[in-house]
Protein backbone atom coordinates (compact mmCIF):
# COMPACT_ATOMS: atom_id res chain seq x y z
CA MET A 1 0.00 0.00 0.00
CA ARG A 2 1.50 3.33 -1.10
CA ILE A 3 0.43 6.28 1.06
CA ALA A 4 0.87 9.97 0.29
CA HIS A 5 1.07 12.02 3.49
CA ILE A 6 0.33 15.60 2.41
CA VAL A 7 1.60 18.29 4.78
CA ARG A 8 1.90 22.06 4.52
CA ARG A 9 5.52 21.93 5.68
CA PHE A 10 7.86 19.26 7.01
CA THR A 11 11.24 20.26 8.30
CA PHE A 12 13.47 18.77 10.95
CA SER A 13 14.84 22.19 11.92
CA GLU A 14 11.51 23.66 13.12
CA TRP A 15 9.73 20.70 14.65
CA GLY A 16 6.10 20.86 15.78
CA GLY A 17 3.21 18.62 16.72
CA THR A 18 2.07 17.94 13.15
CA GLU A 19 5.59 16.99 12.03
CA SER A 20 5.90 14.66 15.01
CA VAL A 21 2.62 12.93 14.21
CA VAL A 22 3.31 12.52 10.50
CA TRP A 23 6.84 11.26 11.09
CA ASN A 24 5.88 8.71 13.73
CA ILE A 25 2.96 7.41 11.66
CA ALA A 26 5.19 7.10 8.59
CA ARG A 27 7.87 5.22 10.54
CA GLN A 28 5.31 2.78 11.95
CA GLN A 29 3.79 2.26 8.51
CA LYS A 30 7.25 1.54 7.12
CA ALA A 31 7.68 -1.09 9.86
CA GLN A 32 4.32 -2.60 8.85
CA GLY A 33 5.62 -3.13 5.31
CA LEU A 34 3.69 -0.22 3.79
CA THR A 35 5.22 2.52 1.62
CA PRO A 36 4.59 5.96 3.09
CA GLU A 37 5.84 9.15 1.44
CA ILE A 38 5.70 12.70 2.75
CA LEU A 39 4.80 15.44 0.25
CA CYS A 40 4.95 19.08 1.33
CA THR A 41 5.97 22.58 0.35
CA ALA A 42 9.56 23.71 0.81
CA ALA A 43 8.53 26.15 3.56
CA LEU A 44 11.43 26.64 6.02
CA ASP A 45 13.48 24.10 4.04
CA GLN A 46 14.96 23.38 0.60
CA GLU A 47 13.17 22.12 -2.51
CA GLY A 48 13.96 18.58 -3.51
CA THR A 49 13.75 14.98 -2.33
CA GLU A 50 15.51 13.27 0.56
CA VAL A 51 15.22 9.82 2.11
CA VAL A 52 15.39 9.54 5.91
CA ASP A 53 15.08 6.17 7.66
CA GLY A 54 13.89 4.71 4.37
CA ILE A 55 11.03 7.24 4.05
CA THR A 56 10.91 9.55 1.03
CA ILE A 57 10.25 13.24 1.73
CA ARG A 58 9.42 15.43 -1.28
CA ARG A 59 9.45 19.23 -0.92
CA PHE A 60 7.95 21.38 -3.68
CA PRO A 61 8.02 25.04 -4.77
CA TYR A 62 5.01 27.05 -3.63
CA PHE A 63 3.63 30.58 -3.30
CA TYR A 64 1.08 32.53 -1.30
CA PRO A 65 -1.45 34.23 -3.60
CA TYR A 66 -1.34 37.66 -1.98
CA PHE A 67 0.17 40.99 -3.01
CA PRO A 68 2.36 42.47 -1.75
CA MET A 69 4.16 39.69 0.11
CA PRO A 70 7.19 41.08 1.97
CA GLU A 71 9.72 38.61 3.31
CA GLN A 72 8.69 38.99 6.96
CA ASP A 73 5.03 38.19 6.20
CA HIS A 74 6.06 35.27 3.99
CA LEU A 75 8.13 33.90 6.85
CA ALA A 76 5.26 34.38 9.32
CA LEU A 77 2.96 32.36 7.03
CA ASP A 78 5.63 29.67 6.62
CA LYS A 79 5.83 29.32 10.37
CA LYS A 80 2.10 29.31 11.03
CA GLY A 81 -1.19 29.54 9.19
CA GLY A 82 -0.07 29.84 5.55
CA ASN A 83 -2.45 28.75 2.78
CA PRO A 84 -0.09 28.09 -0.15
CA TYR A 85 -0.50 26.86 -3.71
CA SER A 86 1.91 24.27 -5.16
CA ALA A 87 1.28 23.17 -8.73
CA LYS A 88 4.25 20.77 -8.77
CA LEU A 89 3.01 18.99 -5.64
CA PHE A 90 -0.40 18.52 -7.26
CA ARG A 91 1.16 17.15 -10.47
CA THR A 92 3.16 14.65 -8.43
CA LEU A 93 -0.03 13.44 -6.75
CA GLU A 94 -1.67 13.03 -10.15
CA GLN A 95 1.23 10.95 -11.46
CA GLY A 96 2.24 9.11 -8.30
CA LYS A 97 -0.12 6.09 -8.32
CA TYR A 98 -0.81 6.29 -4.61
CA ASP A 99 -3.36 4.03 -2.92
CA VAL A 100 -4.34 6.48 -0.15
CA PHE A 101 -4.08 10.23 0.29
CA HIS A 102 -3.71 11.17 3.97
CA ILE A 103 -4.01 14.93 4.31
CA HIS A 104 -2.50 16.67 7.34
CA THR A 105 -3.22 20.26 6.34
CA SER A 106 -6.17 22.42 5.34
CA GLY A 107 -6.90 25.09 2.75
CA ARG A 108 -5.77 24.78 -0.88
CA LEU A 109 -3.33 21.93 -0.37
CA ALA A 110 -6.09 19.84 1.19
CA LEU A 111 -8.84 20.78 -1.26
CA TYR A 112 -6.82 20.29 -4.44
CA SER A 113 -5.42 17.00 -3.11
CA ILE A 114 -8.92 15.72 -2.42
CA ARG A 115 -10.03 16.73 -5.92
CA ILE A 116 -7.19 14.66 -7.37
CA ALA A 117 -8.11 11.75 -5.11
CA ARG A 118 -11.71 11.89 -6.35
CA LYS A 119 -10.62 11.78 -9.98
CA GLN A 120 -8.44 8.76 -9.30
CA THR A 121 -10.99 7.09 -6.96
CA VAL A 122 -8.36 7.10 -4.24
CA PRO A 123 -9.54 7.39 -0.60
CA ALA A 124 -8.86 10.76 1.04
CA VAL A 125 -8.36 10.79 4.81
CA MET A 126 -8.01 14.17 6.51
CA THR A 127 -6.61 14.77 9.99
CA LEU A 128 -7.39 18.14 11.58
CA HIS A 129 -4.21 18.76 13.53
CA GLY A 130 -4.88 22.40 14.27
CA GLY A 131 -8.33 22.02 15.76
CA ALA A 132 -9.79 24.24 13.05
CA CYS A 133 -13.30 24.22 14.52
CA ALA A 134 -12.13 25.26 17.97
CA ILE A 135 -9.58 28.05 17.41
CA PRO A 136 -10.41 31.05 19.66
CA GLU A 137 -11.37 34.23 17.81
CA GLN A 138 -8.44 36.21 19.21
CA GLU A 139 -5.97 33.57 18.02
CA MET A 140 -7.54 33.50 14.56
CA THR A 141 -7.13 37.30 14.34
CA LEU A 142 -3.43 37.01 15.14
CA LEU A 143 -3.06 34.09 12.73
CA LEU A 144 -4.42 36.18 9.85
CA LYS A 145 -2.48 39.33 10.74
CA PRO A 146 0.17 38.85 7.97
CA LEU A 147 -2.63 39.01 5.38
CA LYS A 148 -3.99 42.42 6.38
CA HIS A 149 -3.98 45.13 3.70
CA LYS A 150 -3.10 42.67 0.93
CA PHE A 151 -4.76 41.90 -2.37
CA SER A 152 -5.71 38.23 -2.61
CA TYR A 153 -5.69 36.71 -6.06
CA GLY A 154 -6.08 33.19 -4.71
CA GLY A 155 -9.83 33.39 -5.24
CA ILE A 156 -9.26 33.89 -8.97
CA ILE A 157 -7.16 30.71 -9.12
CA ASP A 158 -9.74 28.81 -7.08
CA ARG A 159 -12.60 29.93 -9.32
CA LEU A 160 -10.70 29.00 -12.47
CA CYS A 161 -10.10 25.55 -10.98
CA ASN A 162 -13.67 25.31 -9.67
CA ALA A 163 -12.39 24.88 -6.13
CA ARG A 164 -14.71 26.94 -3.94
CA THR A 165 -15.75 24.52 -1.22
CA THR A 166 -14.16 23.29 2.01
CA PRO A 167 -11.84 20.27 2.04
CA GLU A 168 -13.52 18.97 5.21
CA SER A 169 -16.80 18.58 3.34
CA GLN A 170 -15.10 16.58 0.57
CA ALA A 171 -12.83 14.16 2.48
CA ASP A 172 -13.96 10.55 2.87
CA VAL A 173 -13.09 10.46 6.59
CA LEU A 174 -12.25 13.22 9.05
CA LEU A 175 -9.96 12.33 11.94
CA ALA A 176 -10.26 14.60 14.98
CA LEU A 177 -7.85 14.77 17.90
CA SER A 178 -10.36 15.51 20.67
CA ARG A 179 -13.95 14.78 21.63
CA GLU A 180 -14.65 18.50 21.51
CA GLU A 181 -13.50 18.61 17.90
CA VAL A 182 -15.54 15.52 16.95
CA LYS A 183 -18.75 17.16 18.15
CA LYS A 184 -18.05 20.40 16.34
CA LEU A 185 -17.18 18.61 13.09
CA GLN A 186 -20.35 16.51 13.29
CA ASN A 187 -22.39 19.68 13.71
CA HIS A 188 -20.57 21.41 10.83
CA TYR A 189 -20.78 18.44 8.46
CA PRO A 190 -23.86 16.31 9.23
CA GLY A 191 -23.57 12.83 7.79
CA LYS A 192 -19.81 13.06 7.36
CA GLN A 193 -17.79 10.17 8.82
CA VAL A 194 -15.87 11.69 11.75
CA ARG A 195 -13.65 9.61 14.01
CA LEU A 196 -11.80 10.36 17.22
CA PHE A 197 -8.17 9.60 16.45
CA PRO A 198 -5.72 10.84 19.11
CA ASN A 199 -2.00 11.27 18.71
CA GLY A 200 0.62 9.11 20.37
CA ILE A 201 4.12 9.22 21.77
CA LEU A 202 7.31 7.25 21.40
CA HIS A 203 8.94 6.19 24.67
CA ARG A 204 12.60 7.16 24.94
CA GLU A 205 15.13 6.54 27.68
CA LEU A 206 17.96 8.91 28.57
CA PRO A 207 21.32 7.12 28.06
CA GLU A 208 23.25 6.73 31.29
CA ALA A 209 26.25 8.53 29.81
CA ALA A 210 24.18 11.66 29.09
CA GLU A 211 24.34 13.40 32.46
CA SER A 212 21.79 16.11 33.12
CA GLU A 213 24.41 18.24 34.89
CA THR A 214 26.23 18.83 31.59
CA PHE A 215 22.98 20.14 30.11
CA LEU A 216 22.57 22.64 32.96
CA LYS A 217 26.14 23.87 32.58
CA LYS A 218 25.86 24.21 28.81
CA TYR A 219 22.90 26.58 29.08
CA ASN A 220 24.06 28.31 32.28
CA ILE A 221 21.08 27.11 34.28
CA PRO A 222 21.82 27.39 38.00
CA GLU A 223 21.84 24.14 39.97
CA GLY A 224 19.62 23.88 43.01
CA LYS A 225 16.71 25.73 41.41
CA LYS A 226 13.29 24.18 40.79
CA ILE A 227 13.18 24.06 36.99
CA ILE A 228 9.78 24.76 35.49
CA LEU A 229 9.92 23.29 31.99
CA CYS A 230 7.74 24.00 28.98
CA ILE A 231 8.59 22.31 25.67
CA SER A 232 6.37 23.68 22.89
CA ARG A 233 6.33 26.21 20.10
CA ILE A 234 7.06 29.69 21.48
CA ASP A 235 3.83 31.28 20.39
CA TYR A 236 0.80 33.22 21.66
CA GLN A 237 -1.26 30.02 21.43
CA LYS A 238 1.00 28.37 24.00
CA ASN A 239 0.71 31.33 26.41
CA GLN A 240 4.17 31.02 28.00
CA LYS A 241 4.00 34.60 29.30
CA ILE A 242 1.71 33.48 32.11
CA LEU A 243 4.56 31.33 33.49
CA LEU A 244 6.39 34.49 34.55
CA GLU A 245 3.87 34.64 37.40
CA LEU A 246 5.58 31.61 38.91
CA LEU A 247 8.99 33.30 38.78
CA LYS A 248 7.61 36.41 40.46
CA LYS A 249 6.12 34.48 43.39
CA TYR A 250 8.63 31.64 43.85
CA ALA A 251 12.23 32.85 44.08
CA GLU A 252 13.60 29.29 44.06
CA THR A 253 12.32 28.59 40.52
CA HIS A 254 13.90 28.83 37.07
CA LEU A 255 11.81 28.81 33.88
CA LEU A 256 13.12 26.82 30.91
CA LEU A 257 11.33 27.29 27.56
CA ILE A 258 12.32 25.02 24.66
CA GLY A 259 10.76 25.15 21.20
CA PRO A 260 10.83 26.77 17.77
CA VAL A 261 9.81 30.42 17.69
CA THR A 262 6.69 30.74 15.52
CA ALA A 263 5.85 34.30 16.66
CA GLN A 264 9.00 36.39 17.20
CA TRP A 265 6.99 39.38 18.38
CA TYR A 266 5.51 37.22 21.15
CA LEU A 267 8.95 36.11 22.33
CA ASP A 268 10.10 39.75 22.29
CA GLU A 269 7.14 40.71 24.49
CA LEU A 270 7.83 37.81 26.85
CA LEU A 271 11.50 38.80 27.28
CA LYS A 272 10.54 42.44 27.83
CA GLU A 273 8.03 41.47 30.53
CA ALA A 274 10.66 39.29 32.22
CA VAL A 275 13.05 42.27 32.33
CA ASN A 276 10.36 44.59 33.69
CA ALA A 277 9.42 42.05 36.36
CA GLY A 278 13.05 41.58 37.39
CA VAL A 279 13.07 37.84 36.59
CA LYS A 280 15.12 37.83 33.38
CA ASP A 281 17.98 35.95 35.07
CA ASP A 282 15.55 33.19 36.07
CA LEU A 283 14.53 32.54 32.45
CA THR A 284 16.28 30.41 29.81
CA VAL A 285 14.96 30.16 26.25
CA ILE A 286 16.29 27.49 23.89
CA PRO A 287 14.66 28.21 20.52
CA GLY A 288 14.19 24.71 19.23
CA LEU A 289 16.05 21.41 19.43
CA PRO A 290 15.90 18.52 16.94
CA PRO A 291 13.09 16.05 17.78
CA ASP A 292 15.56 13.25 18.52
CA SER A 293 17.85 15.44 20.62
CA ILE A 294 19.23 13.89 23.78
CA GLU A 295 19.00 17.38 25.30
CA LEU A 296 15.21 17.18 25.31
CA LEU A 297 15.45 14.11 27.52
CA GLN A 298 18.05 15.83 29.70
CA ALA A 299 15.73 18.81 30.13
CA LEU A 300 12.88 16.53 31.21
CA LYS A 301 15.22 14.78 33.65
CA THR A 302 16.17 18.07 35.31
CA ALA A 303 12.60 19.42 35.56
CA TYR A 304 10.82 19.94 38.86
CA CYS A 305 7.60 20.06 36.85
CA PHE A 306 6.32 20.53 33.31
CA VAL A 307 3.75 23.27 32.67
CA LEU A 308 1.69 23.55 29.49
CA PRO A 309 -0.44 26.74 29.75
CA SER A 310 -1.94 26.69 26.23
CA ARG A 311 -4.93 28.89 25.37
CA HIS A 312 -5.94 26.39 22.69
CA GLU A 313 -4.63 22.82 22.37
CA PRO A 314 -6.06 20.37 19.81
CA PHE A 315 -4.33 17.46 21.54
CA GLY A 316 -1.12 18.04 23.51
CA ILE A 317 1.68 15.60 22.64
CA ALA A 318 4.10 17.53 24.85
CA ALA A 319 1.89 16.83 27.87
CA LEU A 320 1.94 13.09 27.17
CA GLU A 321 5.72 13.12 26.74
CA ALA A 322 6.06 14.76 30.16
CA LEU A 323 3.83 12.08 31.71
CA ASP A 324 5.89 9.35 30.03
CA ALA A 325 9.10 10.87 31.41
CA GLU A 326 7.56 10.82 34.91
CA VAL A 327 7.64 14.60 35.25
CA PRO A 328 4.68 16.01 37.22
CA LEU A 329 2.42 17.98 34.89
CA ILE A 330 0.47 21.20 35.34
CA ALA A 331 -1.71 22.16 32.38
CA SER A 332 -4.58 24.38 31.33
CA ALA A 333 -7.89 22.55 31.01
CA VAL A 334 -8.46 23.19 27.29
CA GLY A 335 -9.13 21.23 24.09
CA GLY A 336 -7.73 17.75 23.76
CA LEU A 337 -5.89 17.97 27.10
CA LYS A 338 -9.22 17.46 28.86
CA ASP A 339 -9.61 14.07 27.14
CA PHE A 340 -6.71 12.40 28.91
CA LEU A 341 -5.89 14.62 31.91
CA SER A 342 -7.77 14.53 35.21
CA ASP A 343 -7.05 17.01 37.97
CA GLY A 344 -5.34 15.39 40.94
CA LYS A 345 -5.10 11.98 39.25
CA ASN A 346 -2.46 12.35 36.53
CA ALA A 347 -1.94 16.14 36.45
CA LEU A 348 -2.92 19.41 38.07
CA LEU A 349 -5.23 21.54 35.93
CA PHE A 350 -6.12 25.22 35.94
CA GLU A 351 -8.60 27.24 33.90
CA ASP A 352 -7.58 28.95 30.67
CA ASN A 353 -5.28 31.96 31.28
CA ASP A 354 -6.02 31.93 35.02
CA GLY A 355 -2.83 33.12 36.72
CA THR A 356 -4.23 32.58 40.21
CA GLY A 357 -5.24 29.03 39.30
CA LEU A 358 -1.74 28.36 37.96
CA LEU A 359 -0.13 29.60 41.18
CA ASP A 360 -2.52 27.51 43.27
CA ALA A 361 -1.73 24.37 41.24
CA PHE A 362 2.00 24.93 41.64
CA GLY A 363 1.57 25.51 45.36
CA ARG A 364 -0.14 22.17 45.94
CA LEU A 365 2.14 20.15 43.66
CA ASP A 366 4.26 18.61 46.42
CA THR A 367 1.18 17.21 48.20
CA VAL A 368 0.16 15.09 45.19
CA ARG A 369 3.47 14.71 43.38
CA GLU A 370 3.93 10.94 43.60
CA LYS A 371 0.24 10.26 42.90
CA ILE A 372 0.09 12.24 39.66
CA ILE A 373 3.45 10.89 38.47
CA ALA A 374 2.16 7.31 38.84
CA GLY A 375 -1.17 8.18 37.22
CA GLY A 376 0.57 9.99 34.40
CA LYS A 377 2.80 7.03 33.63
CA ARG A 378 -0.26 4.79 33.30
CA THR A 379 -1.94 7.31 31.00
CA ALA A 380 1.11 7.67 28.74
CA ALA A 381 1.29 3.89 28.27
CA GLU A 382 -2.14 3.97 26.59
CA TYR A 383 -0.92 6.22 23.76
CA ASN A 384 1.76 4.30 21.87
CA TRP A 385 2.37 4.88 18.17
CA GLN A 386 2.48 1.20 17.24
CA SER A 387 -1.15 0.52 18.16
CA ILE A 388 -2.35 3.91 16.88
CA ALA A 389 -0.71 3.36 13.47
CA ALA A 390 -2.23 -0.13 13.28
CA LYS A 391 -5.71 1.35 13.80
CA LEU A 392 -5.01 3.90 11.07
CA THR A 393 -4.07 1.13 8.62
CA ASP A 394 -7.40 -0.54 9.44
CA ILE A 395 -9.17 2.68 8.45
CA TYR A 396 -7.28 2.76 5.14
CA ARG A 397 -8.24 -0.85 4.41
CA GLU A 398 -11.91 -0.17 5.17
CA LEU A 399 -11.92 2.67 2.64
CA LEU A 400 -10.09 0.63 0.03
C-alpha cells in the first residue's frame, strides 16, 4: 500500500506537533511493510527529495497568492497559518499512483489533493491537527495578521479551478484529535464520517552517559533551582507569558522554555516582561532542538515540573511526553488535554489563562506529586504509536 502524506511543511529544523505525528505514523507504517511518502511545500526548508530512515520526503516550490508579500510576512505564514499553492506537488499526486491520500493540512493543499483523489478514486483521509473548529477568535485574528492590507488573487485561481468549497466537506473520513472537535465537526458536516483519532508518543530513555548536569552547565542554568519546563512552540497560542507569574512568586524557581519560535513578536514581548518584572535571570529560552535530541530528555530529567499553559490545544503531545518521562504535569484545562488529563489523578489543571489558578496548582504540587506521576505514567502507556498506526491502517483498508 503506497500512502501519500500531504503536509503544509515538514522540516526537521523547526519541529512541531504535526511533524511529530506525520513522522511517527510514517515510521510505523514503514515497519508494517507499507510505503509511506511525505509530500509538502519547501517552507522553512529546501526544494527537492531526501530519504530519511527509508522514508521519502518530497518538498515542492510554492507561493502565497497575496500581493504584496514582503519577506517577513512570507516567513510568518511559513511558520504558522499559511495557505499556499503548489502546482508541482499537485502534479506529483496526479502521477504518483498512490493508494491512499492522507491529508495533514487544510486550505488549498487539502482541497486540491482531495479533488485529485476523487478523480483517481483514491480514498482521502483528513486529519485536523490544528483544531480548526475550535480556534479562539483572538488567536484567529493574530493568525491572519500577515494578510492584512493585501490583495488576494487566490480566489481567482480557485474559481478557475472550480475549487470553492471546504476540504472537510469533501474528504472521505475526518480524523479529529479531541472529543470537543468531533462534536463540532459533526455539527458542521452532518452525515460526514468523523472519528476520534488521538495522537501518540514514542517512549525514549535517557542514556546513562548523558548526564543532566552537563545540560545545565551548557545553558548556564543554576543548579539547586526548581526548573519549570515548557517544551512547545514559542507562540501566543502556547501562552508562555503566564509562566512568569511563577517566577515572580517563587524565588527558588527557574523557567526553561524550549521550542521553535513561531511568533517572534511574542517572544520579544515575553522577554521584555521578564526584564520589567526583574526575573530575566531566572529565564532560559532554547529556541528549538531537533526532535531526537538527547537534550530534550536531559531537560525533562532536570525538571521539577512541566507546565503547558496553552490557550488552545487540539491534543497536547508535549503533555503526554512529560507524563511518560515521569515529570509532574500542570496544564490548562483546554481542548484535547481534557480528554486524557484529570485534575489530581495524573496532572494538576487550571482554567484557561487563570494566573491565580496556575499559582494555586504549583503551590499544591508537592502534596500530590507521587500520585500524579504514577497516574501519568499509566496514562502515557495507553498512547503508543504502534497501536495507533495499526488502527489507522485498518481505516485505510476499510476505505479501500
